[in-house]
C-alpha atoms as a PDB file:
ATOM      1  CA  MET A   1      -5.802  37.545 -18.175  1.00  0.00           C
ATOM      2  CA  GLN A   2      -4.730  34.375 -19.441  1.00  0.00           C
ATOM      3  CA  ASP A   3      -2.039  34.075 -17.097  1.00  0.00           C
ATOM      4  CA  CYS A   4      -4.132  34.778 -14.262  1.00  0.00           C
ATOM      5  CA  LEU A   5      -6.678  32.007 -15.523  1.00  0.00           C
ATOM      6  CA  ASN A   6      -3.652  29.628 -15.689  1.00  0.00           C
ATOM      7  CA  LYS A   7      -2.856  29.921 -12.362  1.00  0.00           C
ATOM      8  CA  ALA A   8      -6.235  29.923 -10.973  1.00  0.00           C
ATOM      9  CA  VAL A   9      -7.161  26.810 -12.856  1.00  0.00           C
ATOM     10  CA  PHE A  10      -3.779  24.789 -12.803  1.00  0.00           C
ATOM     11  CA  ASP A  11      -2.266  25.871  -9.215  1.00  0.00           C
ATOM     12  CA  LEU A  12      -5.231  27.216  -7.350  1.00  0.00           C
ATOM     13  CA  LEU A  13      -7.674  24.447  -8.027  1.00  0.00           C
ATOM     14  CA  GLY A  14      -4.956  21.776  -8.986  1.00  0.00           C
ATOM     15  CA  LEU A  15      -6.511  20.864 -12.329  1.00  0.00           C
ATOM     16  CA  ILE A  16      -4.846  19.547 -15.442  1.00  0.00           C
ATOM     17  CA  VAL A  17      -5.885  19.263 -18.836  1.00  0.00           C
ATOM     18  CA  VAL A  18      -6.320  15.747 -20.794  1.00  0.00           C
ATOM     19  CA  TYR A  19      -7.092  15.196 -24.566  1.00  0.00           C
ATOM     20  CA  PRO A  20      -8.711  12.436 -25.678  1.00  0.00           C
ATOM     21  CA  VAL A  21      -8.525  11.237 -29.359  1.00  0.00           C
ATOM     22  CA  GLU A  22      -9.989   8.428 -31.249  1.00  0.00           C
ATOM     23  CA  ASN A  23      -6.992   8.245 -33.578  1.00  0.00           C
ATOM     24  CA  GLU A  24      -3.858   8.097 -31.625  1.00  0.00           C
ATOM     25  CA  GLY A  25      -1.569   8.349 -34.889  1.00  0.00           C
ATOM     26  CA  LYS A  26      -3.000  11.581 -36.285  1.00  0.00           C
ATOM     27  CA  LEU A  27      -4.345  12.839 -32.977  1.00  0.00           C
ATOM     28  CA  THR A  28      -7.470  13.321 -34.533  1.00  0.00           C
ATOM     29  CA  ASP A  29     -11.383  12.596 -33.727  1.00  0.00           C
ATOM     30  CA  LYS A  30     -13.477  10.510 -36.133  1.00  0.00           C
ATOM     31  CA  LYS A  31     -14.409  13.493 -38.286  1.00  0.00           C
ATOM     32  CA  GLY A  32     -10.378  14.393 -38.740  1.00  0.00           C
ATOM     33  CA  ASN A  33     -10.556  17.070 -36.056  1.00  0.00           C
ATOM     34  CA  THR A  34      -6.768  17.670 -34.470  1.00  0.00           C
ATOM     35  CA  LEU A  35      -7.014  17.596 -30.530  1.00  0.00           C
ATOM     36  CA  PRO A  36     -11.234  18.359 -30.746  1.00  0.00           C
ATOM     37  CA  ASP A  37     -11.516  18.202 -26.763  1.00  0.00           C
ATOM     38  CA  ALA A  38      -9.842  18.971 -23.804  1.00  0.00           C
ATOM     39  CA  TYR A  39     -11.196  17.939 -20.241  1.00  0.00           C
ATOM     40  CA  PHE A  40     -10.468  19.497 -16.867  1.00  0.00           C
ATOM     41  CA  LEU A  41      -9.540  16.983 -14.446  1.00  0.00           C
ATOM     42  CA  PRO A  42      -8.412  17.046 -10.538  1.00  0.00           C
ATOM     43  CA  ASP A  43      -4.647  16.053 -10.630  1.00  0.00           C
ATOM     44  CA  GLU A  44      -3.459  12.415  -9.759  1.00  0.00           C
ATOM     45  CA  SER A  45      -7.032  11.566 -11.990  1.00  0.00           C
ATOM     46  CA  SER A  46      -6.747   7.683 -13.580  1.00  0.00           C
ATOM     47  CA  VAL A  47      -7.190   7.375 -17.404  1.00  0.00           C
ATOM     48  CA  LEU A  48     -10.910   5.462 -16.495  1.00  0.00           C
ATOM     49  CA  ASP A  49     -11.581   8.626 -14.347  1.00  0.00           C
ATOM     50  CA  LEU A  50     -11.435  10.281 -18.354  1.00  0.00           C
ATOM     51  CA  ALA A  51     -13.230   7.717 -19.572  1.00  0.00           C
ATOM     52  CA  TYR A  52     -16.263   8.533 -17.331  1.00  0.00           C
ATOM     53  CA  GLN A  53     -15.693  12.215 -17.645  1.00  0.00           C
ATOM     54  CA  ILE A  54     -16.148  11.406 -21.247  1.00  0.00           C
ATOM     55  CA  HIS A  55     -19.208   9.068 -21.072  1.00  0.00           C
ATOM     56  CA  THR A  56     -20.610   6.488 -18.533  1.00  0.00           C
ATOM     57  CA  ASP A  57     -20.714   4.027 -21.486  1.00  0.00           C
ATOM     58  CA  ILE A  58     -17.157   4.600 -22.295  1.00  0.00           C
ATOM     59  CA  GLY A  59     -16.099   4.131 -18.622  1.00  0.00           C
ATOM     60  CA  ASP A  60     -18.512   0.993 -18.354  1.00  0.00           C
ATOM     61  CA  LYS A  61     -16.896  -0.738 -21.470  1.00  0.00           C
ATOM     62  CA  PHE A  62     -13.212   0.754 -20.779  1.00  0.00           C
ATOM     63  CA  ILE A  63     -10.494  -2.253 -20.942  1.00  0.00           C
ATOM     64  CA  GLY A  64      -7.438   0.282 -21.542  1.00  0.00           C
ATOM     65  CA  ALA A  65      -5.962   2.863 -23.170  1.00  0.00           C
ATOM     66  CA  ILE A  66      -2.678   4.132 -25.263  1.00  0.00           C
ATOM     67  CA  ASP A  67      -0.951   6.808 -23.920  1.00  0.00           C
ATOM     68  CA  CYS A  68      -0.117   8.893 -27.340  1.00  0.00           C
ATOM     69  CA  LYS A  69       2.717  10.765 -26.669  1.00  0.00           C
ATOM     70  CA  THR A  70       4.926   7.528 -25.499  1.00  0.00           C
ATOM     71  CA  LYS A  71       2.892   5.132 -27.590  1.00  0.00           C
ATOM     72  CA  MET A  72       2.429   2.604 -24.815  1.00  0.00           C
ATOM     73  CA  LYS A  73      -0.959   1.005 -23.989  1.00  0.00           C
ATOM     74  CA  VAL A  74      -1.639   1.797 -20.150  1.00  0.00           C
ATOM     75  CA  GLY A  75      -4.112   0.366 -17.644  1.00  0.00           C
ATOM     76  CA  ARG A  76      -6.964   1.796 -15.743  1.00  0.00           C
ATOM     77  CA  GLU A  77      -5.462   2.758 -12.699  1.00  0.00           C
ATOM     78  CA  HIS A  78      -2.656   4.975 -15.102  1.00  0.00           C
ATOM     79  CA  LYS A  79      -2.057   8.697 -13.581  1.00  0.00           C
ATOM     80  CA  LEU A  80      -2.598  10.821 -15.895  1.00  0.00           C
ATOM     81  CA  LYS A  81      -0.315  14.262 -16.240  1.00  0.00           C
ATOM     82  CA  ASN A  82      -1.298  17.551 -17.616  1.00  0.00           C
ATOM     83  CA  GLY A  83      -1.195  17.654 -21.092  1.00  0.00           C
ATOM     84  CA  ASP A  84      -1.852  13.921 -21.595  1.00  0.00           C
ATOM     85  CA  VAL A  85      -2.928  13.042 -25.332  1.00  0.00           C
ATOM     86  CA  ILE A  86      -5.279   9.693 -24.609  1.00  0.00           C
ATOM     87  CA  LYS A  87      -7.074   7.020 -26.836  1.00  0.00           C
ATOM     88  CA  ILE A  88      -9.613   5.234 -24.489  1.00  0.00           C
ATOM     89  CA  ILE A  89     -10.191   1.382 -25.774  1.00  0.00           C
ATOM     90  CA  THR A  90     -13.634   0.014 -25.050  1.00  0.00           C
ATOM     91  CA  CYS A  91     -15.006  -3.095 -25.959  1.00  0.00           C
ATOM     92  CA  ARG A  92     -18.208  -3.197 -28.165  1.00  0.00           C
END
């Protein structure tokens, strides 16, 4: 059953899964939950698309992001890959 769902979501619908976190070192949210959320986005989505998917205020205040796997800062046009773990950086 899982293989069938994976094929439908990832192959047929062309979606990827991305994990937003607040603490890029521990891969947790502000409560300490590890990889608490997963977002399904269309392939070729940008980091800014993820920010808006989480919340419009986060998208509006977006200034950058950190790819937690590479520890590199990325810009709004950075294309996400399946399985990315991303910290969104916003202005206050």
